[in-house]
Amino acid sequence: MKRPLSLYARVAALTLHLALFIAMLLTSESLLGQIAAFVLLAPLPGLVRGREYTHAWASMLVAFYCALWLAEGWVQLSSRDLAFSLAGIAALDFVSLVLYVRLRARERIAQTAASGAASH
C-alpha cells in the first residue's frame, strides 16, 4: 500500500520542530532564550500523536519564532548567520506543519468519498 503524503509532512514537521528546539537550546546565551526554547515542547505530544489541531496551532507558534529570528538577524550583525539559519528552520517547520494539516484533510475527504462510493 502506498504511504500517504501527510506522513512525510508529519515526519518533516516533527524533525524540524525538534531541530529548532535543540538549536535554540544550544545557541541560547540567556535564561530567557532557554525558556523560549522550552516553549516549543508544548505541542510535542500532539505532534508525536499526529493530531491535526496541534499541528495547526503549532504553526502559529512557529511563525512567531520565525519572525523573532528574522528580526534578530537584522538587528544583531554579529549573529546574523545563526539567526537567519534558525529563521530558515522555523520557516521550514511552519511549512511542514501547515502542509500536514492540508494533506491530511484532503486524504480524509478522499477516504470519505471512497467509502461512500463503495457503499452504493
Protein backbone atom coordinates (compact mmCIF):
# COMPACT_ATOMS: atom_id res chain seq x y z
CA MET A 1 0.00 0.00 0.00
CA LYS A 2 1.21 3.49 -0.86
CA ARG A 3 2.15 5.75 2.06
CA PRO A 4 0.08 8.93 2.36
CA LEU A 5 1.87 12.20 1.63
CA SER A 6 0.79 13.54 5.00
CA LEU A 7 3.10 11.03 6.66
CA TYR A 8 6.14 12.65 5.05
CA ALA A 9 4.95 16.12 6.07
CA ARG A 10 4.37 14.88 9.61
CA VAL A 11 7.86 13.37 9.88
CA ALA A 12 9.37 16.57 8.43
CA ALA A 13 7.40 18.73 10.88
CA LEU A 14 8.46 16.66 13.87
CA THR A 15 12.10 16.56 12.77
CA LEU A 16 12.26 20.30 12.07
CA HIS A 17 10.45 21.13 15.29
CA LEU A 18 12.96 19.14 17.33
CA ALA A 19 15.85 20.62 15.33
CA LEU A 20 14.61 24.13 16.10
CA PHE A 21 14.27 23.30 19.80
CA ILE A 22 17.75 21.77 20.03
CA ALA A 23 19.37 24.57 18.02
CA MET A 24 17.76 27.22 20.20
CA LEU A 25 18.74 25.42 23.36
CA LEU A 26 22.35 25.01 22.26
CA THR A 27 22.79 28.57 20.99
CA SER A 28 20.92 30.37 23.75
CA GLU A 29 23.09 32.63 25.84
CA SER A 30 20.48 33.59 28.40
CA LEU A 31 17.88 32.02 30.64
CA LEU A 32 15.14 33.78 28.70
CA GLY A 33 16.40 32.20 25.48
CA GLN A 34 16.33 28.75 27.06
CA ILE A 35 12.81 29.32 28.35
CA ALA A 36 11.77 30.38 24.84
CA ALA A 37 13.22 27.13 23.52
CA PHE A 38 11.31 25.06 26.06
CA VAL A 39 8.02 26.64 24.95
CA LEU A 40 8.49 24.68 21.73
CA LEU A 41 7.99 21.47 23.72
CA ALA A 42 4.35 22.35 24.48
CA PRO A 43 2.93 20.98 21.20
CA LEU A 44 5.29 17.99 21.10
CA PRO A 45 2.84 15.34 22.46
CA GLY A 46 0.22 16.28 19.87
CA LEU A 47 2.80 16.37 17.10
CA VAL A 48 4.01 12.89 18.01
CA ARG A 49 0.41 11.61 18.01
CA GLY A 50 -0.31 13.27 14.65
CA ARG A 51 -3.14 15.49 15.85
CA GLU A 52 -4.12 17.95 13.15
CA TYR A 53 -5.34 20.58 15.60
CA THR A 54 -1.97 20.59 17.36
CA HIS A 55 -0.15 20.91 14.03
CA ALA A 56 -2.39 23.86 13.15
CA TRP A 57 -1.80 25.86 16.34
CA ALA A 58 1.88 24.89 16.47
CA SER A 59 2.26 26.53 13.05
CA MET A 60 1.15 29.83 14.59
CA LEU A 61 3.66 29.39 17.40
CA VAL A 62 6.48 28.63 14.96
CA ALA A 63 5.56 31.63 12.78
CA PHE A 64 6.22 33.80 15.84
CA TYR A 65 9.68 32.24 16.27
CA CYS A 66 10.44 32.74 12.59
CA ALA A 67 9.59 36.43 12.86
CA LEU A 68 11.67 36.82 16.01
CA TRP A 69 14.73 35.19 14.44
CA LEU A 70 14.39 37.32 11.31
CA ALA A 71 14.24 40.45 13.46
CA GLU A 72 17.23 39.23 15.47
CA GLY A 73 19.18 38.72 12.25
CA TRP A 74 18.54 42.25 11.07
CA VAL A 75 19.40 43.83 14.43
CA GLN A 76 22.42 41.80 15.55
CA LEU A 77 25.04 41.87 12.82
CA SER A 78 27.39 39.63 14.79
CA SER A 79 24.90 36.73 14.92
CA ARG A 80 23.16 37.31 11.59
CA ASP A 81 24.07 33.94 10.05
CA LEU A 82 22.88 32.00 13.08
CA ALA A 83 19.65 33.99 13.38
CA PHE A 84 18.81 33.62 9.70
CA SER A 85 19.60 29.90 9.87
CA LEU A 86 17.21 29.47 12.80
CA ALA A 87 14.61 31.56 10.97
CA GLY A 88 15.02 29.23 7.99
CA ILE A 89 14.49 26.15 10.16
CA ALA A 90 11.43 27.79 11.70
CA ALA A 91 10.06 28.67 8.25
CA LEU A 92 10.51 25.10 7.02
CA ASP A 93 8.87 23.84 10.23
CA PHE A 94 5.93 26.19 9.60
CA VAL A 95 5.53 24.96 6.02
CA SER A 96 5.66 21.30 7.03
CA LEU A 97 3.12 21.83 9.83
CA VAL A 98 0.65 23.56 7.53
CA LEU A 99 1.29 21.06 4.75
CA TYR A 100 0.49 18.18 7.10
CA VAL A 101 -2.86 19.72 8.05
CA ARG A 102 -3.79 20.37 4.41
CA LEU A 103 -2.71 16.96 3.14
CA ARG A 104 -4.40 15.13 6.00
CA ALA A 105 -7.67 16.97 5.33
CA ARG A 106 -7.53 16.05 1.64
CA GLU A 107 -6.78 12.44 2.45
CA ARG A 108 -9.71 12.29 4.85
CA ILE A 109 -12.05 13.75 2.21
CA ALA A 110 -10.82 11.24 -0.37
CA GLN A 111 -11.22 8.41 2.12
CA THR A 112 -14.78 9.50 2.93
CA ALA A 113 -15.62 9.75 -0.76
CA ALA A 114 -14.15 6.31 -1.44
CA SER A 115 -16.06 4.71 1.42
CA GLY A 116 -19.26 6.45 0.31
CA ALA A 117 -18.82 5.26 -3.28
CA ALA A 118 -18.10 1.73 -2.09
CA SER A 119 -21.34 1.58 -0.08
CA HIS A 120 -23.52 2.45 -3.12
